[in-house]
PDB file of N, CA and C in Angstrom:
ATOM      1  N   UNK A   1      28.839 210.371 144.185  1.00  0.00           N
ATOM      2  CA  UNK A   1      28.613 210.664 142.793  1.00  0.00           C
ATOM      3  C   UNK A   1      29.002 209.440 141.960  1.00  0.00           C
ATOM      4  N   UNK A   2      28.146 209.027 141.074  1.00  0.00           N
ATOM      5  CA  UNK A   2      28.380 207.867 140.244  1.00  0.00           C
ATOM      6  C   UNK A   2      29.338 208.234 139.110  1.00  0.00           C
ATOM      7  N   UNK A   3      30.128 207.257 138.714  1.00  0.00           N
ATOM      8  CA  UNK A   3      30.975 207.456 137.547  1.00  0.00           C
ATOM      9  C   UNK A   3      30.120 207.537 136.309  1.00  0.00           C
ATOM     10  N   UNK A   4      30.487 208.380 135.389  1.00  0.00           N
ATOM     11  CA  UNK A   4      29.835 208.369 134.089  1.00  0.00           C
ATOM     12  C   UNK A   4      30.343 207.135 133.376  1.00  0.00           C
ATOM     13  N   UNK A   5      29.440 206.384 132.817  1.00  0.00           N
ATOM     14  CA  UNK A   5      29.827 205.136 132.173  1.00  0.00           C
ATOM     15  C   UNK A   5      29.493 205.190 130.701  1.00  0.00           C
ATOM     16  N   UNK A   6      30.473 204.945 129.887  1.00  0.00           N
ATOM     17  CA  UNK A   6      30.253 204.881 128.453  1.00  0.00           C
ATOM     18  C   UNK A   6      30.271 203.425 128.043  1.00  0.00           C
ATOM     19  N   UNK A   7      29.240 203.014 127.356  1.00  0.00           N
ATOM     20  CA  UNK A   7      29.089 201.635 126.949  1.00  0.00           C
ATOM     21  C   UNK A   7      30.225 201.200 126.022  1.00  0.00           C
ATOM     22  N   UNK A   8      30.841 200.048 126.308  1.00  0.00           N
ATOM     23  CA  UNK A   8      31.913 199.585 125.437  1.00  0.00           C
ATOM     24  C   UNK A   8      31.357 199.060 124.118  1.00  0.00           C
ATOM     25  N   UNK A   9      32.216 198.951 123.131  1.00  0.00           N
ATOM     26  CA  UNK A   9      31.776 198.443 121.830  1.00  0.00           C
ATOM     27  C   UNK A   9      31.395 196.972 121.920  1.00  0.00           C
ATOM     28  N   UNK A  10      32.074 196.219 122.782  1.00  0.00           N
ATOM     29  CA  UNK A  10      31.737 194.808 122.933  1.00  0.00           C
ATOM     30  C   UNK A  10      30.814 194.636 124.137  1.00  0.00           C
ATOM     31  N   UNK A  11      29.881 193.709 124.026  1.00  0.00           N
ATOM     32  CA  UNK A  11      28.953 193.449 125.117  1.00  0.00           C
ATOM     33  C   UNK A  11      29.584 192.518 126.127  1.00  0.00           C
ATOM     34  N   UNK A  12      28.763 191.948 126.954  1.00  0.00           N
ATOM     35  CA  UNK A  12      29.240 190.977 127.920  1.00  0.00           C
ATOM     36  C   UNK A  12      29.258 191.507 129.332  1.00  0.00           C
ATOM     37  N   UNK A  13      29.705 190.644 130.211  1.00  0.00           N
ATOM     38  CA  UNK A  13      29.711 190.957 131.637  1.00  0.00           C
ATOM     39  C   UNK A  13      30.963 191.739 132.014  1.00  0.00           C
ATOM     40  N   UNK A  14      30.770 192.773 132.796  1.00  0.00           N
ATOM     41  CA  UNK A  14      31.866 193.616 133.262  1.00  0.00           C
ATOM     42  C   UNK A  14      32.354 193.126 134.619  1.00  0.00           C
ATOM     43  N   UNK A  15      33.552 193.536 134.971  1.00  0.00           N
ATOM     44  CA  UNK A  15      34.061 193.355 136.327  1.00  0.00           C
ATOM     45  C   UNK A  15      34.298 194.742 136.887  1.00  0.00           C
ATOM     46  N   UNK A  16      33.752 194.981 138.068  1.00  0.00           N
ATOM     47  CA  UNK A  16      33.866 196.300 138.687  1.00  0.00           C
ATOM     48  C   UNK A  16      34.531 196.189 140.046  1.00  0.00           C
ATOM     49  N   UNK A  17      35.106 197.275 140.483  1.00  0.00           N
ATOM     50  CA  UNK A  17      35.586 197.423 141.855  1.00  0.00           C
ATOM     51  C   UNK A  17      34.640 198.419 142.500  1.00  0.00           C
ATOM     52  N   UNK A  18      33.950 197.968 143.552  1.00  0.00           N
ATOM     53  CA  UNK A  18      32.927 198.788 144.195  1.00  0.00           C
ATOM     54  C   UNK A  18      33.556 199.628 145.296  1.00  0.00           C
ATOM     55  N   UNK A  19      33.329 200.922 145.225  1.00  0.00           N
ATOM     56  CA  UNK A  19      33.863 201.892 146.173  1.00  0.00           C
ATOM     57  C   UNK A  19      32.701 202.612 146.844  1.00  0.00           C
ATOM     58  N   UNK A  20      33.000 203.470 147.807  1.00  0.00           N
ATOM     59  CA  UNK A  20      31.959 204.265 148.463  1.00  0.00           C
ATOM     60  C   UNK A  20      31.412 205.296 147.487  1.00  0.00           C
ATOM     61  N   UNK A  21      30.171 205.106 147.058  1.00  0.00           N
ATOM     62  CA  UNK A  21      29.502 206.075 146.204  1.00  0.00           C
ATOM     63  C   UNK A  21      29.879 206.034 144.732  1.00  0.00           C
ATOM     64  N   UNK A  22      30.782 205.152 144.342  1.00  0.00           N
ATOM     65  CA  UNK A  22      31.172 205.029 142.943  1.00  0.00           C
ATOM     66  C   UNK A  22      31.779 203.657 142.709  1.00  0.00           C
ATOM     67  N   UNK A  23      32.091 203.374 141.469  1.00  0.00           N
ATOM     68  CA  UNK A  23      32.754 202.120 141.138  1.00  0.00           C
ATOM     69  C   UNK A  23      33.769 202.366 140.041  1.00  0.00           C
ATOM     70  N   UNK A  24      34.732 201.450 139.943  1.00  0.00           N
ATOM     71  CA  UNK A  24      35.746 201.517 138.895  1.00  0.00           C
ATOM     72  C   UNK A  24      35.573 200.300 137.999  1.00  0.00           C
ATOM     73  N   UNK A  25      35.700 200.506 136.716  1.00  0.00           N
ATOM     74  CA  UNK A  25      35.603 199.414 135.757  1.00  0.00           C
ATOM     75  C   UNK A  25      36.957 198.720 135.688  1.00  0.00           C
ATOM     76  N   UNK A  26      36.980 197.441 136.029  1.00  0.00           N
ATOM     77  CA  UNK A  26      38.197 196.629 135.959  1.00  0.00           C
ATOM     78  C   UNK A  26      38.282 195.981 134.576  1.00  0.00           C
ATOM     79  N   UNK A  27      37.180 195.348 134.149  1.00  0.00           N
ATOM     80  CA  UNK A  27      37.053 194.779 132.805  1.00  0.00           C
ATOM     81  C   UNK A  27      35.759 195.311 132.210  1.00  0.00           C
ATOM     82  N   UNK A  28      35.846 195.949 131.070  1.00  0.00           N
ATOM     83  CA  UNK A  28      34.679 196.564 130.438  1.00  0.00           C
ATOM     84  C   UNK A  28      33.641 195.527 130.036  1.00  0.00           C
ATOM     85  N   UNK A  29      32.411 195.945 130.075  1.00  0.00           N
ATOM     86  CA  UNK A  29      31.274 195.129 129.672  1.00  0.00           C
ATOM     87  C   UNK A  29      30.020 195.966 129.793  1.00  0.00           C
ATOM     88  N   UNK A  30      28.884 195.378 129.492  1.00  0.00           N
ATOM     89  CA  UNK A  30      27.634 196.126 129.542  1.00  0.00           C
ATOM     90  C   UNK A  30      26.823 195.879 130.802  1.00  0.00           C
ATOM     91  N   UNK A  31      27.140 194.807 131.527  1.00  0.00           N
ATOM     92  CA  UNK A  31      26.346 194.487 132.704  1.00  0.00           C
ATOM     93  C   UNK A  31      27.181 193.754 133.745  1.00  0.00           C
ATOM     94  N   UNK A  32      26.644 193.716 134.969  1.00  0.00           N
ATOM     95  CA  UNK A  32      27.150 192.866 136.052  1.00  0.00           C
ATOM     96  C   UNK A  32      25.986 192.004 136.510  1.00  0.00           C
ATOM     97  N   UNK A  33      26.257 190.997 137.291  1.00  0.00           N
ATOM     98  CA  UNK A  33      25.190 190.116 137.786  1.00  0.00           C
ATOM     99  C   UNK A  33      24.899 190.399 139.254  1.00  0.00           C
ATOM    100  N   UNK A  34      23.621 190.359 139.591  1.00  0.00           N
ATOM    101  CA  UNK A  34      23.191 190.506 140.979  1.00  0.00           C
ATOM    102  C   UNK A  34      23.695 189.298 141.764  1.00  0.00           C
ATOM    103  N   UNK A  35      24.327 189.551 142.900  1.00  0.00           N
ATOM    104  CA  UNK A  35      24.874 188.484 143.736  1.00  0.00           C
ATOM    105  C   UNK A  35      23.782 187.632 144.377  1.00  0.00           C
ATOM    106  N   UNK A  36      22.574 188.139 144.451  1.00  0.00           N
ATOM    107  CA  UNK A  36      21.463 187.407 145.082  1.00  0.00           C
ATOM    108  C   UNK A  36      20.634 186.666 144.042  1.00  0.00           C
ATOM    109  N   UNK A  37      20.244 187.353 142.987  1.00  0.00           N
ATOM    110  CA  UNK A  37      19.319 186.768 142.007  1.00  0.00           C
ATOM    111  C   UNK A  37      20.002 186.187 140.776  1.00  0.00           C
ATOM    112  N   UNK A  38      21.222 186.641 140.505  1.00  0.00           N
ATOM    113  CA  UNK A  38      21.915 186.221 139.292  1.00  0.00           C
ATOM    114  C   UNK A  38      21.465 186.956 138.043  1.00  0.00           C
ATOM    115  N   UNK A  39      20.516 187.866 138.190  1.00  0.00           N
ATOM    116  CA  UNK A  39      20.004 188.626 137.048  1.00  0.00           C
ATOM    117  C   UNK A  39      21.025 189.673 136.601  1.00  0.00           C
ATOM    118  N   UNK A  40      21.075 189.952 135.293  1.00  0.00           N
ATOM    119  CA  UNK A  40      21.997 190.986 134.810  1.00  0.00           C
ATOM    120  C   UNK A  40      21.499 192.384 135.178  1.00  0.00           C
ATOM    121  N   UNK A  41      22.441 193.258 135.474  1.00  0.00           N
ATOM    122  CA  UNK A  41      22.155 194.660 135.781  1.00  0.00           C
ATOM    123  C   UNK A  41      22.979 195.498 134.811  1.00  0.00           C
ATOM    124  N   UNK A  42      22.323 196.299 133.995  1.00  0.00           N
ATOM    125  CA  UNK A  42      23.040 197.182 133.082  1.00  0.00           C
ATOM    126  C   UNK A  42      23.876 198.158 133.911  1.00  0.00           C
ATOM    127  N   UNK A  43      25.101 198.388 133.490  1.00  0.00           N
ATOM    128  CA  UNK A  43      26.009 199.254 134.246  1.00  0.00           C
ATOM    129  C   UNK A  43      25.399 200.623 134.513  1.00  0.00           C
ATOM    130  N   UNK A  44      24.731 201.188 133.534  1.00  0.00           N
ATOM    131  CA  UNK A  44      24.155 202.525 133.726  1.00  0.00           C
ATOM    132  C   UNK A  44      22.935 202.521 134.637  1.00  0.00           C
ATOM    133  N   UNK A  45      22.456 201.346 135.045  1.00  0.00           N
ATOM    134  CA  UNK A  45      21.333 201.244 135.967  1.00  0.00           C
ATOM    135  C   UNK A  45      21.749 200.742 137.354  1.00  0.00           C
ATOM    136  N   UNK A  46      23.035 200.504 137.549  1.00  0.00           N
ATOM    137  CA  UNK A  46      23.543 199.971 138.813  1.00  0.00           C
ATOM    138  C   UNK A  46      23.468 201.023 139.915  1.00  0.00           C
ATOM    139  N   UNK A  47      22.749 200.695 140.986  1.00  0.00           N
ATOM    140  CA  UNK A  47      22.573 201.634 142.099  1.00  0.00           C
ATOM    141  C   UNK A  47      22.919 201.029 143.455  1.00  0.00           C
ATOM    142  N   UNK A  48      22.942 199.701 143.543  1.00  0.00           N
ATOM    143  CA  UNK A  48      23.134 199.037 144.833  1.00  0.00           C
ATOM    144  C   UNK A  48      24.315 198.077 144.767  1.00  0.00           C
ATOM    145  N   UNK A  49      25.248 198.216 145.733  1.00  0.00           N
ATOM    146  CA  UNK A  49      26.365 197.286 145.832  1.00  0.00           C
ATOM    147  C   UNK A  49      26.932 197.336 147.236  1.00  0.00           C
ATOM    148  N   UNK A  50      27.777 196.361 147.527  1.00  0.00           N
ATOM    149  CA  UNK A  50      28.454 196.300 148.819  1.00  0.00           C
ATOM    150  C   UNK A  50      29.943 196.502 148.605  1.00  0.00           C
ATOM    151  N   UNK A  51      30.490 197.488 149.279  1.00  0.00           N
ATOM    152  CA  UNK A  51      31.925 197.722 149.232  1.00  0.00           C
ATOM    153  C   UNK A  51      32.632 196.593 149.978  1.00  0.00           C
ATOM    154  N   UNK A  52      32.090 196.207 151.130  1.00  0.00           N
ATOM    155  CA  UNK A  52      32.707 195.170 151.959  1.00  0.00           C
ATOM    156  C   UNK A  52      32.756 193.814 151.261  1.00  0.00           C
ATOM    157  N   UNK A  53      31.703 193.459 150.549  1.00  0.00           N
ATOM    158  CA  UNK A  53      31.633 192.146 149.914  1.00  0.00           C
ATOM    159  C   UNK A  53      31.915 192.186 148.418  1.00  0.00           C
ATOM    160  N   UNK A  54      32.091 193.387 147.858  1.00  0.00           N
ATOM    161  CA  UNK A  54      32.413 193.561 146.443  1.00  0.00           C
ATOM    162  C   UNK A  54      31.445 192.800 145.547  1.00  0.00           C
ATOM    163  N   UNK A  55      30.146 193.094 145.755  1.00  0.00           N
ATOM    164  CA  UNK A  55      29.110 192.478 144.928  1.00  0.00           C
ATOM    165  C   UNK A  55      27.994 193.465 144.663  1.00  0.00           C
ATOM    166  N   UNK A  56      27.306 193.242 143.548  1.00  0.00           N
ATOM    167  CA  UNK A  56      26.230 194.131 143.095  1.00  0.00           C
ATOM    168  C   UNK A  56      24.874 193.513 143.396  1.00  0.00           C
ATOM    169  N   UNK A  57      23.858 194.378 143.520  1.00  0.00           N
ATOM    170  CA  UNK A  57      22.488 193.944 143.790  1.00  0.00           C
ATOM    171  C   UNK A  57      21.538 194.649 142.841  1.00  0.00           C
ATOM    172  N   UNK A  58      20.531 193.934 142.404  1.00  0.00           N
ATOM    173  CA  UNK A  58      19.583 194.474 141.430  1.00  0.00           C
ATOM    174  C   UNK A  58      18.677 195.550 142.026  1.00  0.00           C
ATOM    175  N   UNK A  59      18.386 195.433 143.329  1.00  0.00           N
ATOM    176  CA  UNK A  59      17.528 196.422 143.984  1.00  0.00           C
ATOM    177  C   UNK A  59      17.779 196.407 145.486  1.00  0.00           C
ATOM    178  N   UNK A  60      17.099 197.303 146.194  1.00  0.00           N
ATOM    179  CA  UNK A  60      17.282 197.423 147.641  1.00  0.00           C
ATOM    180  C   UNK A  60      16.860 196.153 148.365  1.00  0.00           C
ATOM    181  N   UNK A  61      15.837 195.487 147.878  1.00  0.00           N
ATOM    182  CA  UNK A  61      15.367 194.248 148.497  1.00  0.00           C
ATOM    183  C   UNK A  61      16.445 193.161 148.449  1.00  0.00           C
ATOM    184  N   UNK A  62      17.115 193.026 147.315  1.00  0.00           N
ATOM    185  CA  UNK A  62      18.190 192.034 147.184  1.00  0.00           C
ATOM    186  C   UNK A  62      19.358 192.400 148.097  1.00  0.00           C
ATOM    187  N   UNK A  63      19.654 193.686 148.207  1.00  0.00           N
ATOM    188  CA  UNK A  63      20.720 194.146 149.088  1.00  0.00           C
ATOM    189  C   UNK A  63      20.409 193.806 150.541  1.00  0.00           C
ATOM    190  N   UNK A  64      19.189 194.070 150.967  1.00  0.00           N
ATOM    191  CA  UNK A  64      18.776 193.765 152.334  1.00  0.00           C
ATOM    192  C   UNK A  64      18.799 192.264 152.592  1.00  0.00           C
ATOM    193  N   UNK A  65      18.370 191.496 151.617  1.00  0.00           N
ATOM    194  CA  UNK A  65      18.382 190.038 151.728  1.00  0.00           C
ATOM    195  C   UNK A  65      19.803 189.528 151.970  1.00  0.00           C
ATOM    196  N   UNK A  66      20.760 190.038 151.198  1.00  0.00           N
ATOM    197  CA  UNK A  66      22.162 189.624 151.355  1.00  0.00           C
ATOM    198  C   UNK A  66      22.708 190.069 152.704  1.00  0.00           C
ATOM    199  N   UNK A  67      22.357 191.279 153.126  1.00  0.00           N
ATOM    200  CA  UNK A  67      22.808 191.791 154.424  1.00  0.00           C
ATOM    201  C   UNK A  67      22.331 190.877 155.545  1.00  0.00           C
ATOM    202  N   UNK A  68      21.065 190.505 155.505  1.00  0.00           N
ATOM    203  CA  UNK A  68      20.518 189.609 156.533  1.00  0.00           C
ATOM    204  C   UNK A  68      21.189 188.245 156.495  1.00  0.00           C
ATOM    205  N   UNK A  69      21.440 187.764 155.295  1.00  0.00           N
ATOM    206  CA  UNK A  69      22.129 186.471 155.129  1.00  0.00           C
ATOM    207  C   UNK A  69      23.518 186.522 155.741  1.00  0.00           C
ATOM    208  N   UNK A  70      24.237 187.606 155.483  1.00  0.00           N
ATOM    209  CA  UNK A  70      25.590 187.761 156.026  1.00  0.00           C
ATOM    210  C   UNK A  70      25.576 187.878 157.552  1.00  0.00           C
ATOM    211  N   UNK A  71      24.567 188.549 158.104  1.00  0.00           N
ATOM    212  CA  UNK A  71      24.434 188.633 159.556  1.00  0.00           C
ATOM    213  C   UNK A  71      24.218 187.256 160.165  1.00  0.00           C
ATOM    214  N   UNK A  72      23.375 186.469 159.546  1.00  0.00           N
ATOM    215  CA  UNK A  72      23.081 185.122 160.038  1.00  0.00           C
ATOM    216  C   UNK A  72      24.334 184.228 159.984  1.00  0.00           C
ATOM    217  N   UNK A  73      25.163 184.434 158.929  1.00  0.00           N
ATOM    218  CA  UNK A  73      26.391 183.648 158.770  1.00  0.00           C
ATOM    219  C   UNK A  73      27.521 184.141 159.678  1.00  0.00           C
ATOM    220  N   UNK A  74      27.355 185.347 160.201  1.00  0.00           N
ATOM    221  CA  UNK A  74      28.409 185.952 161.009  1.00  0.00           C
ATOM    222  C   UNK A  74      29.533 186.550 160.178  1.00  0.00           C
ATOM    223  N   UNK A  75      29.265 186.788 158.884  1.00  0.00           N
ATOM    224  CA  UNK A  75      30.298 187.340 157.975  1.00  0.00           C
ATOM    225  C   UNK A  75      30.499 188.813 158.197  1.00  0.00           C
TER     226      UNK A  75
END
């Protein structure tokens, strides 16, 4: 179950702690950046992340790309 997220009064990039099936807001903001593309992801649209690597992904394709990259690196 996803956390309900209320948009902060100030914009900017958030810092999150990614958990299984949910996330915790460490520093409030309106978006996080995709670890693969660098594109901003609005917090209320965030659906893909890695608990192990603590990073967000814009879509399933970016998530799979990072997974394959990590396998190749042996991470």
